[in-house]
Amino acid sequence: MRGEALIDAAQVARQISLDDTRENRLLAEQAMDRIRDKYGPAAIGPATVFRRAS
């Protein structure tokens, strides 16, 4: 694979999506990436469900 005539990511047009669920997931991923960059890879991860025995 070769990359030719590459441009800066800031210059790329953003595609409009009508899928709100996908857009929300992408925003959440960006937020998680910023948290990991600031606090390290173990700062955030999958949620865990705890159930108490009844």
C-alpha atoms as a PDB file:
ATOM      1  CA  MET A   1       0.000   0.000   0.000  1.00  0.00           C
ATOM      2  CA  ARG A   2       1.297   3.446  -0.911  1.00  0.00           C
ATOM      3  CA  GLY A   3      -0.024   6.825   0.006  1.00  0.00           C
ATOM      4  CA  GLU A   4       0.385   9.444  -2.684  1.00  0.00           C
ATOM      5  CA  ALA A   5      -0.783  13.050  -2.830  1.00  0.00           C
ATOM      6  CA  LEU A   6      -1.893  12.973   0.797  1.00  0.00           C
ATOM      7  CA  ILE A   7      -3.335  16.097   2.381  1.00  0.00           C
ATOM      8  CA  ASP A   8      -3.715  17.178   5.986  1.00  0.00           C
ATOM      9  CA  ALA A   9      -6.763  15.721   7.758  1.00  0.00           C
ATOM     10  CA  ALA A  10      -7.969  19.233   8.620  1.00  0.00           C
ATOM     11  CA  GLN A  11      -8.406  19.945   4.894  1.00  0.00           C
ATOM     12  CA  VAL A  12     -10.684  16.984   4.216  1.00  0.00           C
ATOM     13  CA  ALA A  13     -14.412  17.611   3.871  1.00  0.00           C
ATOM     14  CA  ARG A  14     -16.617  15.842   6.427  1.00  0.00           C
ATOM     15  CA  GLN A  15     -19.326  13.569   5.096  1.00  0.00           C
ATOM     16  CA  ILE A  16     -22.780  14.264   6.475  1.00  0.00           C
ATOM     17  CA  SER A  17     -24.480  11.256   8.012  1.00  0.00           C
ATOM     18  CA  LEU A  18     -28.176  10.895   8.719  1.00  0.00           C
ATOM     19  CA  ASP A  19     -27.518   8.058  11.158  1.00  0.00           C
ATOM     20  CA  ASP A  20     -27.675   9.651  14.627  1.00  0.00           C
ATOM     21  CA  THR A  21     -26.681   6.429  16.380  1.00  0.00           C
ATOM     22  CA  ARG A  22     -23.467   6.170  14.359  1.00  0.00           C
ATOM     23  CA  GLU A  23     -22.644   9.855  14.891  1.00  0.00           C
ATOM     24  CA  ASN A  24     -23.123   9.535  18.657  1.00  0.00           C
ATOM     25  CA  ARG A  25     -20.884   6.456  18.749  1.00  0.00           C
ATOM     26  CA  LEU A  26     -18.157   8.313  16.828  1.00  0.00           C
ATOM     27  CA  LEU A  27     -18.345  11.260  19.238  1.00  0.00           C
ATOM     28  CA  ALA A  28     -18.073   8.885  22.204  1.00  0.00           C
ATOM     29  CA  GLU A  29     -15.024   7.210  20.633  1.00  0.00           C
ATOM     30  CA  GLN A  30     -13.334  10.593  20.187  1.00  0.00           C
ATOM     31  CA  ALA A  31     -13.985  11.446  23.838  1.00  0.00           C
ATOM     32  CA  MET A  32     -12.589   8.076  24.974  1.00  0.00           C
ATOM     33  CA  ASP A  33      -9.472   8.623  22.838  1.00  0.00           C
ATOM     34  CA  ARG A  34      -8.882  12.010  24.503  1.00  0.00           C
ATOM     35  CA  ILE A  35      -9.286  10.447  27.972  1.00  0.00           C
ATOM     36  CA  ARG A  36      -6.800   7.678  27.123  1.00  0.00           C
ATOM     37  CA  ASP A  37      -4.335  10.217  25.710  1.00  0.00           C
ATOM     38  CA  LYS A  38      -4.505  12.257  28.917  1.00  0.00           C
ATOM     39  CA  TYR A  39      -4.682   9.517  31.581  1.00  0.00           C
ATOM     40  CA  GLY A  40      -3.293   6.407  29.894  1.00  0.00           C
ATOM     41  CA  PRO A  41      -4.803   3.346  28.223  1.00  0.00           C
ATOM     42  CA  ALA A  42      -6.196   1.841  31.433  1.00  0.00           C
ATOM     43  CA  ALA A  43      -8.213   4.971  32.338  1.00  0.00           C
ATOM     44  CA  ILE A  44     -11.334   3.889  30.499  1.00  0.00           C
ATOM     45  CA  GLY A  45     -12.648   0.533  29.345  1.00  0.00           C
ATOM     46  CA  PRO A  46     -15.755  -1.574  28.882  1.00  0.00           C
ATOM     47  CA  ALA A  47     -18.462  -1.301  31.490  1.00  0.00           C
ATOM     48  CA  THR A  48     -19.086  -4.183  33.866  1.00  0.00           C
ATOM     49  CA  VAL A  49     -22.433  -5.160  35.312  1.00  0.00           C
ATOM     50  CA  PHE A  50     -22.476  -6.283  38.923  1.00  0.00           C
ATOM     51  CA  ARG A  51     -25.463  -8.240  40.175  1.00  0.00           C
ATOM     52  CA  ARG A  52     -26.173  -8.966  43.782  1.00  0.00           C
ATOM     53  CA  ALA A  53     -27.473 -12.327  44.805  1.00  0.00           C
ATOM     54  CA  SER A  54     -31.015 -12.057  46.075  1.00  0.00           C
END
